[in-house]
Amino acid sequence: MVSAFPESCAPPGIDDGRDAVPRARLGIAVVVPCYRVSRHIAAVLAGIGPEVEAIYCVDDACPEGSGDLIEREIRDPRVRVIRHATNQGVGGAVLSGYRRAVADGARVIVKIDGDGQMDPALLPSFVAPILRGEADYCKGNRFWDLAGIGGMPPGRRFGNVCLSFMAKASTGYWDLFDPTNGYTAIHADVASRLPAASISRGYFFETDMLFRLNTMRAVVVDVPMDARYGDEVSGLRIPRVAGEFAFNHLRNFAKRIAYNYFLRDVSLASVELLAGAGLLGFGAAFGAWHWWHSAQSGVATPVGTIMIATVAVISGLQFLLAFLGYDFASVPRRALHPLLQRRHVLPRAADDGT
């Protein structure tokens, strides 16, 4: 399989410091997107343990000059700065870090935000399932312990609950929660095959990643973690992104169904979905038409007509429930990365800048 990071030089506006790290097989690498995190970044980097061999700080055109601050004040030899001339969003920053870590030969890549919300001490818990061959991608779940989410602002708590239910349908990972959690770890062989040019660069990045991973049949697991909130400032505005998120979830749901049930494979669930949608749509339309016609004419609708609409609707719902049962059970369970054949030297990754 060809890497999704095509061979080319670094795109304009990005200084990836190719000569900073020798080409050697790394173990664990960390990617830290840096945008308005100058107050927290030093403490975050200081908390990253010795099990990490490389740390890529991506200055995403930070107005506070995070990259300059890191190079000026941080003496950790593992730290390297990647610079974006223009802001590409959290997704663009993470993908730039992935590209560099993959090119340097990392085995597992962990993403930690630079705002201090994520405890670097939890990193071994995120990496362990991947190293054991049990998962391809691990993500944090702040809702695992319900007693521990009291520190989460109520607005974020409600928003995350709503987004989690929508994300289950659009990504196909029905057993996951907290889809916008940015504390993640991914096997480099899986990261190298992501369709980087198609992944959302903005706040939808984490959820879009899950959708892309499902289409690859990658195994994703939740890692329990506590919610930590301090004096950091979030750029996420729920009213502004609500419409965008709803549209993206609907789009990804439709694409996932098309990919998994009609392009990649056709199964009994495919037939159940078509039959269910068809019967439900016919029953609702047929019943509504005759109800309207009866109301206009003042003549009672025949019992047989009512039964046709009722049976069609009930049968359609039963078929759709059967399809959902199949979809719930089809969450990927076998890790993908042990099956992938990785090249000894991967081509350099390119960022399309979109």
Protein backbone atom coordinates (compact mmCIF):
# COMPACT_ATOMS: atom_id res chain seq x y z
CA MET A 1 0.00 0.00 0.00
CA VAL A 2 1.31 3.40 -0.96
CA SER A 3 1.78 6.02 1.72
CA ALA A 4 -0.79 8.80 1.80
CA PHE A 5 2.10 11.21 2.34
CA PRO A 6 3.46 11.59 -1.22
CA GLU A 7 7.13 12.03 -1.91
CA SER A 8 7.99 15.70 -2.32
CA CYS A 9 9.81 18.50 -0.65
CA ALA A 10 8.24 20.33 2.28
CA PRO A 11 5.45 22.61 1.09
CA PRO A 12 5.88 26.38 1.04
CA GLY A 13 5.54 28.00 4.43
CA ILE A 14 6.74 25.00 6.42
CA ASP A 15 10.21 24.59 7.88
CA ASP A 16 10.39 20.96 8.95
CA GLY A 17 14.07 20.92 9.92
CA ARG A 18 14.87 17.73 8.05
CA ASP A 19 18.45 17.58 9.29
CA ALA A 20 17.44 17.91 12.96
CA VAL A 21 16.96 14.21 13.70
CA PRO A 22 19.16 11.43 12.27
CA ARG A 23 17.36 8.87 10.14
CA ALA A 24 17.06 6.09 12.68
CA ARG A 25 14.22 3.96 13.91
CA LEU A 26 12.55 5.87 16.74
CA GLY A 27 10.27 4.41 19.36
CA ILE A 28 7.72 6.90 20.66
CA ALA A 29 7.36 10.41 19.25
CA VAL A 30 5.14 13.23 20.50
CA VAL A 31 3.48 15.92 18.40
CA VAL A 32 2.52 19.15 20.19
CA PRO A 33 0.44 21.70 18.20
CA CYS A 34 1.40 25.18 19.40
CA TYR A 35 -1.01 28.08 19.04
CA ARG A 36 -1.43 30.61 21.85
CA VAL A 37 0.14 28.23 24.37
CA SER A 38 3.19 30.23 25.45
CA ARG A 39 2.08 30.22 29.12
CA HIS A 40 1.80 26.44 29.30
CA ILE A 41 4.17 24.92 26.75
CA ALA A 42 7.28 24.79 28.96
CA ALA A 43 5.46 22.85 31.68
CA VAL A 44 3.94 20.47 29.11
CA LEU A 45 7.32 19.68 27.56
CA ALA A 46 8.95 19.28 30.98
CA GLY A 47 6.35 16.65 31.90
CA ILE A 48 7.05 14.38 28.93
CA GLY A 49 8.94 11.35 30.24
CA PRO A 50 12.15 9.67 29.05
CA GLU A 51 10.22 6.96 27.19
CA VAL A 52 9.72 9.52 24.39
CA GLU A 53 12.56 9.84 21.89
CA ALA A 54 11.41 12.81 19.80
CA ILE A 55 9.09 15.77 20.39
CA TYR A 56 7.80 17.79 17.44
CA CYS A 57 6.40 21.21 18.40
CA VAL A 58 4.40 22.64 15.51
CA ASP A 59 4.27 26.44 15.60
CA ASP A 60 1.05 26.94 13.66
CA ALA A 61 1.75 30.61 12.85
CA CYS A 62 1.32 31.31 16.55
CA PRO A 63 0.90 35.05 17.22
CA GLU A 64 2.71 34.59 20.53
CA GLY A 65 5.80 33.18 18.84
CA SER A 66 5.64 29.77 20.50
CA GLY A 67 8.33 28.36 18.23
CA ASP A 68 10.78 31.13 19.10
CA LEU A 69 10.03 30.71 22.80
CA ILE A 70 10.68 26.96 22.63
CA GLU A 71 13.95 27.36 20.78
CA ARG A 72 15.04 30.09 23.17
CA GLU A 73 14.11 28.51 26.50
CA ILE A 74 13.80 24.74 26.07
CA ARG A 75 17.06 22.78 26.31
CA ASP A 76 15.59 19.31 25.82
CA PRO A 77 17.53 17.76 22.88
CA ARG A 78 14.47 15.74 21.86
CA VAL A 79 12.50 18.89 20.99
CA ARG A 80 12.32 20.06 17.39
CA VAL A 81 10.24 22.95 16.02
CA ILE A 82 8.17 22.77 12.84
CA ARG A 83 6.89 26.13 11.58
CA HIS A 84 3.84 27.05 9.54
CA ALA A 85 3.92 30.40 7.73
CA THR A 86 0.10 30.50 7.84
CA ASN A 87 -2.27 29.01 10.36
CA GLN A 88 -3.53 25.58 9.25
CA GLY A 89 -5.63 24.67 12.27
CA VAL A 90 -5.06 21.90 14.75
CA GLY A 91 -5.50 19.26 12.07
CA GLY A 92 -2.88 20.80 9.81
CA ALA A 93 -0.46 21.07 12.73
CA VAL A 94 -0.94 17.46 13.78
CA LEU A 95 -0.61 16.14 10.23
CA SER A 96 2.65 18.08 9.80
CA GLY A 97 3.91 16.44 12.98
CA TYR A 98 2.78 13.02 11.78
CA ARG A 99 4.57 13.56 8.49
CA ARG A 100 7.83 14.41 10.18
CA ALA A 101 7.60 11.59 12.75
CA VAL A 102 6.80 9.02 10.06
CA ALA A 103 9.71 10.21 7.92
CA ASP A 104 12.04 9.95 10.92
CA GLY A 105 10.97 6.35 11.51
CA ALA A 106 8.80 6.65 14.62
CA ARG A 107 6.86 3.60 15.72
CA VAL A 108 4.09 5.25 17.77
CA ILE A 109 3.08 8.92 17.58
CA VAL A 110 1.31 10.61 20.49
CA LYS A 111 -0.48 13.94 20.16
CA ILE A 112 -0.58 16.17 23.25
CA ASP A 113 -1.97 19.69 23.26
CA GLY A 114 0.29 22.47 24.43
CA ASP A 115 -2.30 24.14 26.69
CA GLY A 116 -1.75 21.96 29.75
CA GLN A 117 -5.12 20.15 29.64
CA MET A 118 -3.47 16.77 29.01
CA ASP A 119 -1.32 15.07 31.62
CA PRO A 120 1.90 13.79 29.96
CA ALA A 121 2.19 11.19 32.73
CA LEU A 122 -0.71 9.31 31.08
CA LEU A 123 1.30 8.77 27.90
CA PRO A 124 2.31 5.13 28.70
CA SER A 125 -1.39 4.24 29.03
CA PHE A 126 -2.04 5.54 25.51
CA VAL A 127 0.94 3.75 23.99
CA ALA A 128 0.62 0.36 25.70
CA PRO A 129 -2.40 -1.03 23.74
CA ILE A 130 -0.67 -0.17 20.46
CA LEU A 131 2.64 -1.75 21.45
CA ARG A 132 0.78 -4.89 22.56
CA GLY A 133 -0.84 -5.14 19.13
CA GLU A 134 -4.33 -4.60 20.53
CA ALA A 135 -5.07 -1.22 18.93
CA ASP A 136 -4.04 1.03 16.06
CA TYR A 137 -5.25 4.28 17.63
CA CYS A 138 -5.94 5.28 21.22
CA LYS A 139 -7.85 8.32 22.39
CA GLY A 140 -8.72 9.81 25.73
CA ASN A 141 -12.16 9.58 27.31
CA ARG A 142 -12.94 12.19 29.96
CA PHE A 143 -16.35 10.62 30.64
CA TRP A 144 -15.05 7.20 31.71
CA ASP A 145 -15.34 8.08 35.39
CA LEU A 146 -18.54 10.10 35.74
CA ALA A 147 -17.46 11.28 39.19
CA GLY A 148 -14.39 12.92 37.70
CA ILE A 149 -15.99 15.27 35.16
CA GLY A 150 -17.17 17.85 37.67
CA GLY A 151 -14.32 20.14 36.68
CA MET A 152 -15.46 20.27 33.06
CA PRO A 153 -17.41 23.46 32.26
CA PRO A 154 -21.14 22.65 31.86
CA GLY A 155 -21.23 23.99 28.31
CA ARG A 156 -18.40 21.73 27.22
CA ARG A 157 -19.92 18.79 29.08
CA PHE A 158 -23.26 19.13 27.31
CA GLY A 159 -21.62 19.78 23.94
CA ASN A 160 -19.36 16.74 24.23
CA VAL A 161 -22.27 14.46 25.14
CA CYS A 162 -24.24 15.61 22.10
CA LEU A 163 -21.24 15.36 19.79
CA SER A 164 -20.41 11.90 21.09
CA PHE A 165 -23.78 10.50 20.06
CA MET A 166 -23.54 12.05 16.60
CA ALA A 167 -19.97 10.81 16.22
CA LYS A 168 -20.94 7.23 17.02
CA ALA A 169 -23.19 7.17 13.97
CA SER A 170 -20.87 9.05 11.62
CA THR A 171 -17.66 7.18 12.55
CA GLY A 172 -19.04 3.69 13.20
CA TYR A 173 -17.21 3.38 16.52
CA TRP A 174 -20.30 2.78 18.64
CA ASP A 175 -18.25 1.74 21.68
CA LEU A 176 -16.34 5.05 21.95
CA PHE A 177 -17.18 8.30 23.68
CA ASP A 178 -15.74 11.81 23.88
CA PRO A 179 -14.85 12.00 20.14
CA THR A 180 -13.37 15.51 20.31
CA ASN A 181 -10.73 14.46 22.84
CA GLY A 182 -7.36 15.43 21.39
CA TYR A 183 -5.15 13.22 23.55
CA THR A 184 -4.35 10.47 21.06
CA ALA A 185 -1.77 7.91 20.01
CA ILE A 186 -1.45 6.21 16.63
CA HIS A 187 0.79 3.56 15.15
CA ALA A 188 3.06 5.14 12.56
CA ASP A 189 2.23 2.50 9.93
CA VAL A 190 -1.42 3.51 10.18
CA ALA A 191 -0.60 7.23 10.25
CA SER A 192 1.43 6.88 7.07
CA ARG A 193 -1.61 5.57 5.23
CA LEU A 194 -4.09 8.20 6.28
CA PRO A 195 -5.64 10.21 3.41
CA ALA A 196 -4.00 13.37 4.73
CA ALA A 197 -5.33 15.62 1.96
CA SER A 198 -8.94 14.73 2.83
CA ILE A 199 -8.90 15.09 6.61
CA SER A 200 -10.49 18.16 8.18
CA ARG A 201 -7.96 20.70 9.47
CA GLY A 202 -10.22 22.54 11.93
CA TYR A 203 -12.05 21.62 15.13
CA PHE A 204 -13.65 18.63 13.37
CA PHE A 205 -10.21 17.05 12.98
CA GLU A 206 -10.41 14.47 15.79
CA THR A 207 -13.84 13.23 14.72
CA ASP A 208 -12.88 13.14 11.05
CA MET A 209 -9.84 11.09 12.01
CA LEU A 210 -12.12 8.48 13.55
CA PHE A 211 -14.20 8.35 10.36
CA ARG A 212 -11.08 7.85 8.23
CA LEU A 213 -9.77 5.19 10.61
CA ASN A 214 -13.05 3.29 10.39
CA THR A 215 -12.89 3.21 6.60
CA MET A 216 -9.41 1.64 7.06
CA ARG A 217 -10.89 -0.86 9.57
CA ALA A 218 -8.44 0.30 12.26
CA VAL A 219 -8.99 -0.67 15.89
CA VAL A 220 -9.60 2.31 18.19
CA VAL A 221 -9.81 2.13 21.98
CA ASP A 222 -10.68 4.63 24.70
CA VAL A 223 -8.19 5.42 27.46
CA PRO A 224 -9.67 6.73 30.73
CA MET A 225 -8.46 10.17 31.76
CA ASP A 226 -9.57 13.02 33.98
CA ALA A 227 -10.76 16.33 32.59
CA ARG A 228 -8.27 19.09 33.47
CA TYR A 229 -9.20 22.73 32.94
CA GLY A 230 -7.23 25.72 34.11
CA ASP A 231 -6.83 29.23 32.74
CA GLU A 232 -6.39 28.20 29.12
CA VAL A 233 -8.56 29.92 26.53
CA SER A 234 -10.51 27.75 24.11
CA GLY A 235 -11.06 29.01 20.57
CA LEU A 236 -14.02 26.68 20.10
CA ARG A 237 -17.35 28.49 19.90
CA ILE A 238 -20.24 26.00 19.91
CA PRO A 239 -22.81 28.25 18.13
CA ARG A 240 -20.29 28.95 15.38
CA VAL A 241 -19.39 25.32 14.66
CA ALA A 242 -22.73 23.60 15.43
CA GLY A 243 -23.96 23.81 11.85
CA GLU A 244 -20.61 22.76 10.42
CA PHE A 245 -20.38 19.79 12.77
CA ALA A 246 -23.94 18.65 11.97
CA PHE A 247 -23.28 18.82 8.23
CA ASN A 248 -19.93 17.01 8.53
CA HIS A 249 -21.44 14.25 10.67
CA LEU A 250 -24.26 13.72 8.17
CA ARG A 251 -21.80 13.69 5.26
CA ASN A 252 -19.46 11.22 6.97
CA PHE A 253 -22.36 8.96 7.97
CA ALA A 254 -23.53 8.77 4.36
CA LYS A 255 -20.00 8.15 3.10
CA ARG A 256 -19.31 5.48 5.72
CA ILE A 257 -22.47 3.58 4.83
CA ALA A 258 -21.65 3.80 1.12
CA TYR A 259 -18.04 2.69 1.65
CA ASN A 260 -18.66 -0.16 4.08
CA TYR A 261 -21.94 -1.59 2.80
CA PHE A 262 -22.02 -0.95 -0.93
CA LEU A 263 -18.48 -0.32 -2.24
CA ARG A 264 -16.18 -2.43 -0.07
CA ASP A 265 -18.69 -5.17 0.61
CA VAL A 266 -22.34 -6.12 0.14
CA SER A 267 -23.89 -8.14 2.96
CA LEU A 268 -27.24 -9.02 4.45
CA ALA A 269 -27.05 -5.68 6.31
CA SER A 270 -26.95 -3.89 2.95
CA VAL A 271 -30.21 -5.55 1.95
CA GLU A 272 -31.74 -4.77 5.35
CA LEU A 273 -30.83 -1.10 4.99
CA LEU A 274 -32.32 -0.81 1.52
CA ALA A 275 -35.47 -2.71 2.49
CA GLY A 276 -35.88 -0.76 5.69
CA ALA A 277 -35.42 2.65 4.09
CA GLY A 278 -37.68 1.74 1.19
CA LEU A 279 -40.52 0.32 3.30
CA LEU A 280 -40.35 3.12 5.87
CA GLY A 281 -40.33 5.79 3.18
CA PHE A 282 -43.18 4.16 1.25
CA GLY A 283 -45.29 3.61 4.37
CA ALA A 284 -44.83 7.18 5.59
CA ALA A 285 -45.56 8.72 2.18
CA PHE A 286 -48.49 6.39 1.43
CA GLY A 287 -50.05 6.97 4.85
CA ALA A 288 -49.54 10.74 4.75
CA TRP A 289 -51.10 11.01 1.30
CA HIS A 290 -54.20 9.06 2.23
CA TRP A 291 -54.52 10.89 5.54
CA TRP A 292 -54.45 14.22 3.68
CA HIS A 293 -56.87 12.96 1.03
CA SER A 294 -59.25 11.71 3.73
CA ALA A 295 -59.08 15.02 5.60
CA GLN A 296 -59.85 16.98 2.42
CA SER A 297 -62.73 14.78 1.27
CA GLY A 298 -64.25 14.05 4.66
CA VAL A 299 -64.36 10.34 3.84
CA ALA A 300 -62.86 7.83 6.27
CA THR A 301 -59.76 6.00 5.04
CA PRO A 302 -60.43 2.29 4.41
CA VAL A 303 -59.00 -0.10 7.01
CA GLY A 304 -57.02 -1.93 4.33
CA THR A 305 -55.26 1.29 3.31
CA ILE A 306 -54.38 2.02 6.93
CA MET A 307 -53.00 -1.51 7.35
CA ILE A 308 -50.80 -1.19 4.25
CA ALA A 309 -49.19 1.98 5.62
CA THR A 310 -48.87 0.54 9.14
CA VAL A 311 -47.32 -2.75 8.05
CA ALA A 312 -44.88 -0.96 5.74
CA VAL A 313 -43.73 1.42 8.49
CA ILE A 314 -43.36 -1.32 11.12
CA SER A 315 -41.54 -3.63 8.71
CA GLY A 316 -39.23 -0.80 7.67
CA LEU A 317 -38.37 -0.02 11.29
CA GLN A 318 -37.65 -3.71 11.97
CA PHE A 319 -35.30 -3.91 8.99
CA LEU A 320 -33.51 -0.72 10.09
CA LEU A 321 -33.12 -2.02 13.65
CA ALA A 322 -31.64 -5.23 12.26
CA PHE A 323 -29.21 -3.16 10.20
CA LEU A 324 -28.21 -1.11 13.26
CA GLY A 325 -27.61 -4.30 15.22
CA TYR A 326 -25.22 -5.47 12.49
CA ASP A 327 -23.53 -2.07 12.39
CA PHE A 328 -23.06 -2.06 16.19
CA ALA A 329 -21.41 -5.49 16.01
CA SER A 330 -19.11 -4.59 13.11
CA VAL A 331 -16.81 -2.26 15.06
CA PRO A 332 -13.24 -3.28 14.06
CA ARG A 333 -11.69 -5.70 16.57
CA ARG A 334 -8.50 -6.91 14.88
CA ALA A 335 -5.59 -4.46 14.89
CA LEU A 336 -4.54 -3.34 11.44
CA HIS A 337 -0.91 -2.34 11.89
CA PRO A 338 0.51 -5.89 12.33
CA LEU A 339 -0.87 -6.68 8.86
CA LEU A 340 0.72 -3.73 7.13
CA GLN A 341 3.97 -4.12 5.27
CA ARG A 342 6.02 -1.06 5.96
CA ARG A 343 8.96 0.12 3.85
CA HIS A 344 12.31 0.49 5.57
CA VAL A 345 12.55 4.09 4.38
CA LEU A 346 9.28 5.94 3.92
CA PRO A 347 8.97 8.77 1.42
CA ARG A 348 8.92 12.27 2.79
CA ALA A 349 5.49 13.49 3.62
CA ALA A 350 3.83 16.49 2.03
CA ASP A 351 1.20 18.76 3.55
CA ASP A 352 -1.32 20.04 1.02
CA GLY A 353 -1.96 23.11 3.18
CA THR A 354 -5.77 22.92 2.88
